[in-house]
């Protein structure tokens, strides 16, 4: 792993590269070992699922596929897509928006 992952679960991110460029969504899962994130409704791929029981459907389903962290950028409330910085607020270390300085 090269650097610290600043994006967390439930953050709103915008895709900045690739075929899904410009789309926004919430982070469903962060995969630190692969330096990737799963974003809700973005980078959908098809996967064949086996029938597990009599009631289970099985077949081909659409699921979110991982996107590399370098291809997404966090979205601030005021400033839109921005980089993340850190600031010491009393005893806590908080993430801040680099453009507007708001706490994320």
PDB file of N, CA and C in Angstrom:
ATOM      1  N   UNK A   1       0.846  -1.192   0.000  1.00  0.00           N
ATOM      2  CA  UNK A   1       0.000   0.000   0.000  1.00  0.00           C
ATOM      3  C   UNK A   1       0.881   1.241   0.000  1.00  0.00           C
ATOM      4  N   UNK A   2       0.594   2.169  -0.892  1.00  0.00           N
ATOM      5  CA  UNK A   2       1.459   3.328  -1.035  1.00  0.00           C
ATOM      6  C   UNK A   2       1.121   4.463  -0.091  1.00  0.00           C
ATOM      7  N   UNK A   3      -0.146   4.892  -0.067  1.00  0.00           N
ATOM      8  CA  UNK A   3      -0.514   6.030   0.761  1.00  0.00           C
ATOM      9  C   UNK A   3      -1.733   5.730   1.595  1.00  0.00           C
ATOM     10  N   UNK A   4      -2.069   6.677   2.455  1.00  0.00           N
ATOM     11  CA  UNK A   4      -3.236   6.519   3.304  1.00  0.00           C
ATOM     12  C   UNK A   4      -4.508   6.748   2.485  1.00  0.00           C
ATOM     13  N   UNK A   5      -5.495   5.906   2.697  1.00  0.00           N
ATOM     14  CA  UNK A   5      -6.763   6.043   1.992  1.00  0.00           C
ATOM     15  C   UNK A   5      -7.628   7.042   2.753  1.00  0.00           C
ATOM     16  N   UNK A   6      -7.985   8.134   2.075  1.00  0.00           N
ATOM     17  CA  UNK A   6      -8.722   9.213   2.719  1.00  0.00           C
ATOM     18  C   UNK A   6     -10.219   9.105   2.498  1.00  0.00           C
ATOM     19  N   UNK A   7     -10.645   8.239   1.605  1.00  0.00           N
ATOM     20  CA  UNK A   7     -12.071   8.054   1.317  1.00  0.00           C
ATOM     21  C   UNK A   7     -12.618   6.966   2.222  1.00  0.00           C
ATOM     22  N   UNK A   8     -13.800   7.206   2.774  1.00  0.00           N
ATOM     23  CA  UNK A   8     -14.435   6.262   3.702  1.00  0.00           C
ATOM     24  C   UNK A   8     -15.805   5.848   3.202  1.00  0.00           C
ATOM     25  N   UNK A   9     -16.358   4.833   3.840  1.00  0.00           N
ATOM     26  CA  UNK A   9     -17.697   4.349   3.516  1.00  0.00           C
ATOM     27  C   UNK A   9     -18.720   5.478   3.721  1.00  0.00           C
ATOM     28  N   UNK A  10     -19.715   5.538   2.853  1.00  0.00           N
ATOM     29  CA  UNK A  10     -20.812   6.528   2.861  1.00  0.00           C
ATOM     30  C   UNK A  10     -20.397   7.925   2.401  1.00  0.00           C
ATOM     31  N   UNK A  11     -19.145   8.134   1.999  1.00  0.00           N
ATOM     32  CA  UNK A  11     -18.743   9.416   1.407  1.00  0.00           C
ATOM     33  C   UNK A  11     -19.359   9.522   0.020  1.00  0.00           C
ATOM     34  N   UNK A  12     -19.717  10.738  -0.382  1.00  0.00           N
ATOM     35  CA  UNK A  12     -20.176  10.961  -1.750  1.00  0.00           C
ATOM     36  C   UNK A  12     -18.954  11.287  -2.593  1.00  0.00           C
ATOM     37  N   UNK A  13     -18.787  10.535  -3.692  1.00  0.00           N
ATOM     38  CA  UNK A  13     -17.638  10.738  -4.558  1.00  0.00           C
ATOM     39  C   UNK A  13     -18.090  10.969  -5.998  1.00  0.00           C
ATOM     40  N   UNK A  14     -17.206  11.594  -6.774  1.00  0.00           N
ATOM     41  CA  UNK A  14     -17.444  11.814  -8.193  1.00  0.00           C
ATOM     42  C   UNK A  14     -16.344  11.102  -8.969  1.00  0.00           C
ATOM     43  N   UNK A  15     -16.736  10.408 -10.032  1.00  0.00           N
ATOM     44  CA  UNK A  15     -15.765   9.715 -10.877  1.00  0.00           C
ATOM     45  C   UNK A  15     -15.105  10.755 -11.774  1.00  0.00           C
ATOM     46  N   UNK A  16     -13.760  10.791 -11.794  1.00  0.00           N
ATOM     47  CA  UNK A  16     -13.034  11.812 -12.554  1.00  0.00           C
ATOM     48  C   UNK A  16     -12.316  11.249 -13.778  1.00  0.00           C
ATOM     49  N   UNK A  17     -12.394   9.927 -13.983  1.00  0.00           N
ATOM     50  CA  UNK A  17     -11.749   9.321 -15.153  1.00  0.00           C
ATOM     51  C   UNK A  17     -12.494   8.058 -15.556  1.00  0.00           C
ATOM     52  N   UNK A  18     -12.422   7.727 -16.832  1.00  0.00           N
ATOM     53  CA  UNK A  18     -13.035   6.498 -17.334  1.00  0.00           C
ATOM     54  C   UNK A  18     -14.384   6.736 -17.973  1.00  0.00           C
ATOM     55  N   UNK A  19     -15.058   5.631 -18.293  1.00  0.00           N
ATOM     56  CA  UNK A  19     -16.329   5.710 -19.011  1.00  0.00           C
ATOM     57  C   UNK A  19     -17.463   6.285 -18.164  1.00  0.00           C
ATOM     58  N   UNK A  20     -17.328   6.255 -16.858  1.00  0.00           N
ATOM     59  CA  UNK A  20     -18.366   6.756 -15.947  1.00  0.00           C
ATOM     60  C   UNK A  20     -18.052   8.174 -15.460  1.00  0.00           C
ATOM     61  N   UNK A  21     -17.150   8.869 -16.128  1.00  0.00           N
ATOM     62  CA  UNK A  21     -16.688  10.198 -15.713  1.00  0.00           C
ATOM     63  C   UNK A  21     -17.848  11.171 -15.509  1.00  0.00           C
ATOM     64  N   UNK A  22     -17.814  11.903 -14.378  1.00  0.00           N
ATOM     65  CA  UNK A  22     -18.834  12.900 -14.071  1.00  0.00           C
ATOM     66  C   UNK A  22     -19.971  12.395 -13.207  1.00  0.00           C
ATOM     67  N   UNK A  23     -20.104  11.080 -13.057  1.00  0.00           N
ATOM     68  CA  UNK A  23     -21.193  10.517 -12.249  1.00  0.00           C
ATOM     69  C   UNK A  23     -20.823  10.547 -10.772  1.00  0.00           C
ATOM     70  N   UNK A  24     -21.858  10.689  -9.935  1.00  0.00           N
ATOM     71  CA  UNK A  24     -21.653  10.726  -8.479  1.00  0.00           C
ATOM     72  C   UNK A  24     -22.410   9.598  -7.804  1.00  0.00           C
ATOM     73  N   UNK A  25     -21.890   9.167  -6.651  1.00  0.00           N
ATOM     74  CA  UNK A  25     -22.546   8.127  -5.880  1.00  0.00           C
ATOM     75  C   UNK A  25     -21.895   7.981  -4.519  1.00  0.00           C
ATOM     76  N   UNK A  26     -22.541   7.193  -3.657  1.00  0.00           N
ATOM     77  CA  UNK A  26     -22.026   6.953  -2.309  1.00  0.00           C
ATOM     78  C   UNK A  26     -21.115   5.730  -2.309  1.00  0.00           C
ATOM     79  N   UNK A  27     -20.066   5.783  -1.505  1.00  0.00           N
ATOM     80  CA  UNK A  27     -19.139   4.661  -1.393  1.00  0.00           C
ATOM     81  C   UNK A  27     -19.812   3.561  -0.573  1.00  0.00           C
ATOM     82  N   UNK A  28     -19.902   2.366  -1.164  1.00  0.00           N
ATOM     83  CA  UNK A  28     -20.516   1.216  -0.497  1.00  0.00           C
ATOM     84  C   UNK A  28     -19.470   0.477   0.337  1.00  0.00           C
ATOM     85  N   UNK A  29     -18.262   0.362  -0.223  1.00  0.00           N
ATOM     86  CA  UNK A  29     -17.214  -0.411   0.440  1.00  0.00           C
ATOM     87  C   UNK A  29     -15.849   0.094  -0.008  1.00  0.00           C
ATOM     88  N   UNK A  30     -14.886   0.102   0.898  1.00  0.00           N
ATOM     89  CA  UNK A  30     -13.506   0.484   0.582  1.00  0.00           C
ATOM     90  C   UNK A  30     -12.652  -0.781   0.652  1.00  0.00           C
ATOM     91  N   UNK A  31     -11.846  -1.007  -0.395  1.00  0.00           N
ATOM     92  CA  UNK A  31     -10.967  -2.167  -0.453  1.00  0.00           C
ATOM     93  C   UNK A  31      -9.516  -1.687  -0.388  1.00  0.00           C
ATOM     94  N   UNK A  32      -8.959  -1.504   0.830  1.00  0.00           N
ATOM     95  CA  UNK A  32      -7.620  -0.926   0.965  1.00  0.00           C
ATOM     96  C   UNK A  32      -6.508  -1.773   0.339  1.00  0.00           C
ATOM     97  N   UNK A  33      -6.650  -3.096   0.363  1.00  0.00           N
ATOM     98  CA  UNK A  33      -5.604  -3.956  -0.192  1.00  0.00           C
ATOM     99  C   UNK A  33      -5.489  -3.818  -1.711  1.00  0.00           C
ATOM    100  N   UNK A  34      -6.587  -3.452  -2.373  1.00  0.00           N
ATOM    101  CA  UNK A  34      -6.568  -3.248  -3.825  1.00  0.00           C
ATOM    102  C   UNK A  34      -6.553  -1.769  -4.200  1.00  0.00           C
ATOM    103  N   UNK A  35      -6.548  -0.860  -3.209  1.00  0.00           N
ATOM    104  CA  UNK A  35      -6.607   0.585  -3.435  1.00  0.00           C
ATOM    105  C   UNK A  35      -7.841   0.938  -4.274  1.00  0.00           C
ATOM    106  N   UNK A  36      -8.986   0.321  -3.955  1.00  0.00           N
ATOM    107  CA  UNK A  36     -10.201   0.500  -4.743  1.00  0.00           C
ATOM    108  C   UNK A  36     -11.404   0.781  -3.860  1.00  0.00           C
ATOM    109  N   UNK A  37     -12.471   1.276  -4.496  1.00  0.00           N
ATOM    110  CA  UNK A  37     -13.739   1.505  -3.805  1.00  0.00           C
ATOM    111  C   UNK A  37     -14.877   0.979  -4.663  1.00  0.00           C
ATOM    112  N   UNK A  38     -15.977   0.601  -4.001  1.00  0.00           N
ATOM    113  CA  UNK A  38     -17.217   0.251  -4.689  1.00  0.00           C
ATOM    114  C   UNK A  38     -18.155   1.431  -4.510  1.00  0.00           C
ATOM    115  N   UNK A  39     -18.653   1.978  -5.630  1.00  0.00           N
ATOM    116  CA  UNK A  39     -19.536   3.142  -5.589  1.00  0.00           C
ATOM    117  C   UNK A  39     -20.923   2.703  -6.046  1.00  0.00           C
ATOM    118  N   UNK A  40     -21.945   3.110  -5.283  1.00  0.00           N
ATOM    119  CA  UNK A  40     -23.321   2.695  -5.534  1.00  0.00           C
ATOM    120  C   UNK A  40     -23.798   3.124  -6.924  1.00  0.00           C
ATOM    121  N   UNK A  41     -24.205   2.145  -7.744  1.00  0.00           N
ATOM    122  CA  UNK A  41     -24.774   2.400  -9.056  1.00  0.00           C
ATOM    123  C   UNK A  41     -23.780   2.781 -10.140  1.00  0.00           C
ATOM    124  N   UNK A  42     -22.488   2.694  -9.858  1.00  0.00           N
ATOM    125  CA  UNK A  42     -21.467   3.088 -10.834  1.00  0.00           C
ATOM    126  C   UNK A  42     -20.544   1.908 -11.122  1.00  0.00           C
ATOM    127  N   UNK A  43     -20.097   1.810 -12.383  1.00  0.00           N
ATOM    128  CA  UNK A  43     -19.221   0.734 -12.854  1.00  0.00           C
ATOM    129  C   UNK A  43     -19.877  -0.630 -12.659  1.00  0.00           C
ATOM    130  N   UNK A  44     -21.089  -0.754 -13.174  1.00  0.00           N
ATOM    131  CA  UNK A  44     -21.845  -1.994 -13.038  1.00  0.00           C
ATOM    132  C   UNK A  44     -21.296  -3.060 -13.992  1.00  0.00           C
ATOM    133  N   UNK A  45     -21.238  -4.280 -13.494  1.00  0.00           N
ATOM    134  CA  UNK A  45     -20.787  -5.412 -14.303  1.00  0.00           C
ATOM    135  C   UNK A  45     -21.735  -6.576 -14.103  1.00  0.00           C
ATOM    136  N   UNK A  46     -21.754  -7.483 -15.052  1.00  0.00           N
ATOM    137  CA  UNK A  46     -22.633  -8.646 -14.960  1.00  0.00           C
ATOM    138  C   UNK A  46     -21.876  -9.821 -14.359  1.00  0.00           C
ATOM    139  N   UNK A  47     -22.582 -10.593 -13.517  1.00  0.00           N
ATOM    140  CA  UNK A  47     -21.980 -11.749 -12.875  1.00  0.00           C
ATOM    141  C   UNK A  47     -22.993 -12.877 -12.850  1.00  0.00           C
ATOM    142  N   UNK A  48     -22.545 -14.076 -13.146  1.00  0.00           N
ATOM    143  CA  UNK A  48     -23.431 -15.240 -13.123  1.00  0.00           C
ATOM    144  C   UNK A  48     -23.465 -15.805 -11.706  1.00  0.00           C
ATOM    145  N   UNK A  49     -24.667 -15.926 -11.142  1.00  0.00           N
ATOM    146  CA  UNK A  49     -24.837 -16.497  -9.806  1.00  0.00           C
ATOM    147  C   UNK A  49     -25.512 -17.853  -9.899  1.00  0.00           C
ATOM    148  N   UNK A  50     -24.993 -18.792  -9.140  1.00  0.00           N
ATOM    149  CA  UNK A  50     -25.556 -20.136  -9.099  1.00  0.00           C
ATOM    150  C   UNK A  50     -26.776 -20.160  -8.191  1.00  0.00           C
ATOM    151  N   UNK A  51     -27.715 -20.998  -8.511  1.00  0.00           N
ATOM    152  CA  UNK A  51     -28.896 -21.191  -7.681  1.00  0.00           C
ATOM    153  C   UNK A  51     -28.459 -21.895  -6.396  1.00  0.00           C
ATOM    154  N   UNK A  52     -28.734 -21.298  -5.240  1.00  0.00           N
ATOM    155  CA  UNK A  52     -28.290 -21.899  -3.973  1.00  0.00           C
ATOM    156  C   UNK A  52     -29.371 -22.757  -3.328  1.00  0.00           C
ATOM    157  N   UNK A  53     -30.623 -22.387  -3.568  1.00  0.00           N
ATOM    158  CA  UNK A  53     -31.728 -23.169  -3.007  1.00  0.00           C
ATOM    159  C   UNK A  53     -32.869 -23.186  -4.017  1.00  0.00           C
ATOM    160  N   UNK A  54     -33.954 -23.869  -3.693  1.00  0.00           N
ATOM    161  CA  UNK A  54     -35.105 -23.973  -4.601  1.00  0.00           C
ATOM    162  C   UNK A  54     -35.759 -22.612  -4.845  1.00  0.00           C
ATOM    163  N   UNK A  55     -35.812 -21.771  -3.791  1.00  0.00           N
ATOM    164  CA  UNK A  55     -36.455 -20.459  -3.920  1.00  0.00           C
ATOM    165  C   UNK A  55     -35.525 -19.434  -4.571  1.00  0.00           C
ATOM    166  N   UNK A  56     -34.215 -19.643  -4.441  1.00  0.00           N
ATOM    167  CA  UNK A  56     -33.230 -18.695  -4.957  1.00  0.00           C
ATOM    168  C   UNK A  56     -33.285 -18.650  -6.478  1.00  0.00           C
ATOM    169  N   UNK A  57     -33.211 -17.442  -7.040  1.00  0.00           N
ATOM    170  CA  UNK A  57     -33.355 -17.245  -8.477  1.00  0.00           C
ATOM    171  C   UNK A  57     -32.130 -17.705  -9.269  1.00  0.00           C
ATOM    172  N   UNK A  58     -30.952 -17.193  -8.919  1.00  0.00           N
ATOM    173  CA  UNK A  58     -29.770 -17.496  -9.708  1.00  0.00           C
ATOM    174  C   UNK A  58     -29.789 -16.714 -11.015  1.00  0.00           C
ATOM    175  N   UNK A  59     -28.876 -16.996 -11.925  1.00  0.00           N
ATOM    176  CA  UNK A  59     -28.837 -16.334 -13.221  1.00  0.00           C
ATOM    177  C   UNK A  59     -27.823 -15.209 -13.249  1.00  0.00           C
ATOM    178  N   UNK A  60     -27.982 -14.307 -14.230  1.00  0.00           N
ATOM    179  CA  UNK A  60     -27.035 -13.205 -14.413  1.00  0.00           C
ATOM    180  C   UNK A  60     -27.559 -11.966 -13.688  1.00  0.00           C
ATOM    181  N   UNK A  61     -26.727 -11.401 -12.796  1.00  0.00           N
ATOM    182  CA  UNK A  61     -27.107 -10.219 -12.029  1.00  0.00           C
ATOM    183  C   UNK A  61     -26.098  -9.101 -12.284  1.00  0.00           C
ATOM    184  N   UNK A  62     -26.519  -7.854 -12.068  1.00  0.00           N
ATOM    185  CA  UNK A  62     -25.613  -6.714 -12.195  1.00  0.00           C
ATOM    186  C   UNK A  62     -25.134  -6.300 -10.816  1.00  0.00           C
ATOM    187  N   UNK A  63     -23.808  -6.173 -10.653  1.00  0.00           N
ATOM    188  CA  UNK A  63     -23.231  -5.746  -9.377  1.00  0.00           C
ATOM    189  C   UNK A  63     -22.226  -4.634  -9.634  1.00  0.00           C
ATOM    190  N   UNK A  64     -21.901  -3.875  -8.570  1.00  0.00           N
ATOM    191  CA  UNK A  64     -20.891  -2.829  -8.673  1.00  0.00           C
ATOM    192  C   UNK A  64     -19.505  -3.467  -8.721  1.00  0.00           C
ATOM    193  N   UNK A  65     -18.679  -2.972  -9.607  1.00  0.00           N
ATOM    194  CA  UNK A  65     -17.306  -3.445  -9.722  1.00  0.00           C
ATOM    195  C   UNK A  65     -16.385  -2.372  -9.128  1.00  0.00           C
ATOM    196  N   UNK A  66     -15.212  -2.772  -8.616  1.00  0.00           N
ATOM    197  CA  UNK A  66     -14.310  -1.795  -7.986  1.00  0.00           C
ATOM    198  C   UNK A  66     -13.775  -0.751  -8.956  1.00  0.00           C
ATOM    199  N   UNK A  67     -13.561   0.460  -8.432  1.00  0.00           N
ATOM    200  CA  UNK A  67     -12.927   1.546  -9.164  1.00  0.00           C
ATOM    201  C   UNK A  67     -11.688   1.939  -8.364  1.00  0.00           C
ATOM    202  N   UNK A  68     -10.578   2.187  -9.051  1.00  0.00           N
ATOM    203  CA  UNK A  68      -9.357   2.579  -8.351  1.00  0.00           C
ATOM    204  C   UNK A  68      -9.560   3.943  -7.683  1.00  0.00           C
ATOM    205  N   UNK A  69      -8.973   4.118  -6.509  1.00  0.00           N
ATOM    206  CA  UNK A  69      -9.152   5.336  -5.718  1.00  0.00           C
ATOM    207  C   UNK A  69      -8.682   6.581  -6.466  1.00  0.00           C
ATOM    208  N   UNK A  70      -7.682   6.438  -7.326  1.00  0.00           N
ATOM    209  CA  UNK A  70      -7.180   7.593  -8.074  1.00  0.00           C
ATOM    210  C   UNK A  70      -8.208   8.118  -9.075  1.00  0.00           C
ATOM    211  N   UNK A  71      -9.219   7.326  -9.405  1.00  0.00           N
ATOM    212  CA  UNK A  71     -10.224   7.724 -10.388  1.00  0.00           C
ATOM    213  C   UNK A  71     -11.482   8.320  -9.772  1.00  0.00           C
ATOM    214  N   UNK A  72     -11.502   8.484  -8.450  1.00  0.00           N
ATOM    215  CA  UNK A  72     -12.638   9.126  -7.784  1.00  0.00           C
ATOM    216  C   UNK A  72     -12.150  10.271  -6.908  1.00  0.00           C
ATOM    217  N   UNK A  73     -13.033  11.256  -6.690  1.00  0.00           N
ATOM    218  CA  UNK A  73     -12.696  12.407  -5.866  1.00  0.00           C
ATOM    219  C   UNK A  73     -13.883  12.716  -4.961  1.00  0.00           C
ATOM    220  N   UNK A  74     -13.624  13.009  -3.704  1.00  0.00           N
ATOM    221  CA  UNK A  74     -14.691  13.282  -2.748  1.00  0.00           C
ATOM    222  C   UNK A  74     -15.409  14.581  -3.107  1.00  0.00           C
ATOM    223  N   UNK A  75     -16.697  14.650  -2.786  1.00  0.00           N
ATOM    224  CA  UNK A  75     -17.514  15.822  -3.099  1.00  0.00           C
ATOM    225  C   UNK A  75     -17.847  16.546  -1.801  1.00  0.00           C
ATOM    226  N   UNK A  76     -17.472  17.839  -1.723  1.00  0.00           N
ATOM    227  CA  UNK A  76     -17.819  18.681  -0.580  1.00  0.00           C
ATOM    228  C   UNK A  76     -19.193  19.294  -0.784  1.00  0.00           C
ATOM    229  N   UNK A  77     -19.831  19.713   0.289  1.00  0.00           N
ATOM    230  CA  UNK A  77     -21.175  20.298   0.195  1.00  0.00           C
ATOM    231  C   UNK A  77     -21.165  21.634  -0.546  1.00  0.00           C
ATOM    232  N   UNK A  78     -20.164  22.462  -0.283  1.00  0.00           N
ATOM    233  CA  UNK A  78     -20.097  23.791  -0.892  1.00  0.00           C
ATOM    234  C   UNK A  78     -19.322  23.802  -2.208  1.00  0.00           C
ATOM    235  N   UNK A  79     -18.215  23.082  -2.248  1.00  0.00           N
ATOM    236  CA  UNK A  79     -17.256  23.280  -3.341  1.00  0.00           C
ATOM    237  C   UNK A  79     -17.279  22.240  -4.452  1.00  0.00           C
ATOM    238  N   UNK A  80     -18.042  21.176  -4.318  1.00  0.00           N
ATOM    239  CA  UNK A  80     -18.036  20.126  -5.341  1.00  0.00           C
ATOM    240  C   UNK A  80     -16.850  19.197  -5.164  1.00  0.00           C
ATOM    241  N   UNK A  81     -16.365  18.605  -6.256  1.00  0.00           N
ATOM    242  CA  UNK A  81     -15.251  17.660  -6.190  1.00  0.00           C
ATOM    243  C   UNK A  81     -13.988  18.367  -5.707  1.00  0.00           C
ATOM    244  N   UNK A  82     -13.338  17.783  -4.706  1.00  0.00           N
ATOM    245  CA  UNK A  82     -12.189  18.427  -4.084  1.00  0.00           C
ATOM    246  C   UNK A  82     -11.231  17.405  -3.498  1.00  0.00           C
ATOM    247  N   UNK A  83     -10.049  17.874  -3.144  1.00  0.00           N
ATOM    248  CA  UNK A  83      -9.086  17.037  -2.442  1.00  0.00           C
ATOM    249  C   UNK A  83      -9.364  17.103  -0.952  1.00  0.00           C
ATOM    250  N   UNK A  84      -8.769  16.159  -0.210  1.00  0.00           N
ATOM    251  CA  UNK A  84      -8.983  16.087   1.233  1.00  0.00           C
ATOM    252  C   UNK A  84      -7.695  16.458   1.954  1.00  0.00           C
ATOM    253  N   UNK A  85      -7.834  17.276   3.002  1.00  0.00           N
ATOM    254  CA  UNK A  85      -6.718  17.597   3.872  1.00  0.00           C
ATOM    255  C   UNK A  85      -7.090  17.220   5.303  1.00  0.00           C
ATOM    256  N   UNK A  86      -6.165  17.387   6.211  1.00  0.00           N
ATOM    257  CA  UNK A  86      -6.418  17.091   7.619  1.00  0.00           C
ATOM    258  C   UNK A  86      -6.109  18.315   8.457  1.00  0.00           C
ATOM    259  N   UNK A  87      -6.883  18.460   9.549  1.00  0.00           N
ATOM    260  CA  UNK A  87      -6.670  19.562  10.472  1.00  0.00           C
ATOM    261  C   UNK A  87      -6.874  19.025  11.886  1.00  0.00           C
ATOM    262  N   UNK A  88      -6.095  19.510  12.840  1.00  0.00           N
ATOM    263  CA  UNK A  88      -6.264  19.116  14.234  1.00  0.00           C
ATOM    264  C   UNK A  88      -7.278  20.068  14.854  1.00  0.00           C
ATOM    265  N   UNK A  89      -8.404  19.519  15.303  1.00  0.00           N
ATOM    266  CA  UNK A  89      -9.476  20.309  15.905  1.00  0.00           C
ATOM    267  C   UNK A  89      -9.581  19.906  17.370  1.00  0.00           C
ATOM    268  N   UNK A  90      -8.881  20.630  18.244  1.00  0.00           N
ATOM    269  CA  UNK A  90      -8.854  20.254  19.666  1.00  0.00           C
ATOM    270  C   UNK A  90      -8.039  18.979  19.825  1.00  0.00           C
ATOM    271  N   UNK A  91      -8.699  17.909  20.265  1.00  0.00           N
ATOM    272  CA  UNK A  91      -8.033  16.613  20.440  1.00  0.00           C
ATOM    273  C   UNK A  91      -8.177  15.727  19.209  1.00  0.00           C
ATOM    274  N   UNK A  92      -9.093  16.075  18.290  1.00  0.00           N
ATOM    275  CA  UNK A  92      -9.386  15.216  17.147  1.00  0.00           C
ATOM    276  C   UNK A  92      -8.691  15.684  15.877  1.00  0.00           C
ATOM    277  N   UNK A  93      -8.380  14.720  15.017  1.00  0.00           N
ATOM    278  CA  UNK A  93      -7.861  14.994  13.682  1.00  0.00           C
ATOM    279  C   UNK A  93      -9.041  14.818  12.729  1.00  0.00           C
ATOM    280  N   UNK A  94      -9.419  15.884  12.024  1.00  0.00           N
ATOM    281  CA  UNK A  94     -10.604  15.830  11.161  1.00  0.00           C
ATOM    282  C   UNK A  94     -10.205  16.036   9.696  1.00  0.00           C
ATOM    283  N   UNK A  95     -11.025  15.468   8.798  1.00  0.00           N
ATOM    284  CA  UNK A  95     -10.813  15.657   7.358  1.00  0.00           C
ATOM    285  C   UNK A  95     -11.472  16.968   6.935  1.00  0.00           C
ATOM    286  N   UNK A  96     -10.766  17.742   6.141  1.00  0.00           N
ATOM    287  CA  UNK A  96     -11.307  19.020   5.670  1.00  0.00           C
ATOM    288  C   UNK A  96     -11.202  19.097   4.149  1.00  0.00           C
ATOM    289  N   UNK A  97     -12.096  19.892   3.582  1.00  0.00           N
ATOM    290  CA  UNK A  97     -12.127  20.161   2.147  1.00  0.00           C
ATOM    291  C   UNK A  97     -11.009  21.148   1.840  1.00  0.00           C
ATOM    292  N   UNK A  98     -10.158  20.854   0.844  1.00  0.00           N
ATOM    293  CA  UNK A  98      -9.044  21.730   0.511  1.00  0.00           C
ATOM    294  C   UNK A  98      -9.500  23.029  -0.121  1.00  0.00           C
ATOM    295  N   UNK A  99     -10.624  23.020  -0.876  1.00  0.00           N
ATOM    296  CA  UNK A  99     -11.096  24.213  -1.548  1.00  0.00           C
ATOM    297  C   UNK A  99     -11.734  25.211  -0.581  1.00  0.00           C
ATOM    298  N   UNK A 100     -12.703  24.718   0.237  1.00  0.00           N
ATOM    299  CA  UNK A 100     -13.464  25.637   1.081  1.00  0.00           C
ATOM    300  C   UNK A 100     -13.081  25.574   2.560  1.00  0.00           C
ATOM    301  N   UNK A 101     -12.366  24.555   2.985  1.00  0.00           N
ATOM    302  CA  UNK A 101     -11.975  24.432   4.385  1.00  0.00           C
ATOM    303  C   UNK A 101     -13.039  23.832   5.285  1.00  0.00           C
ATOM    304  N   UNK A 102     -14.181  23.400   4.712  1.00  0.00           N
ATOM    305  CA  UNK A 102     -15.260  22.817   5.518  1.00  0.00           C
ATOM    306  C   UNK A 102     -14.868  21.426   6.014  1.00  0.00           C
ATOM    307  N   UNK A 103     -15.383  21.052   7.175  1.00  0.00           N
ATOM    308  CA  UNK A 103     -15.118  19.737   7.746  1.00  0.00           C
ATOM    309  C   UNK A 103     -15.988  18.700   7.023  1.00  0.00           C
ATOM    310  N   UNK A 104     -15.366  17.605   6.605  1.00  0.00           N
ATOM    311  CA  UNK A 104     -16.103  16.551   5.902  1.00  0.00           C
ATOM    312  C   UNK A 104     -16.626  15.508   6.874  1.00  0.00           C
TER     313      UNK A 104
END
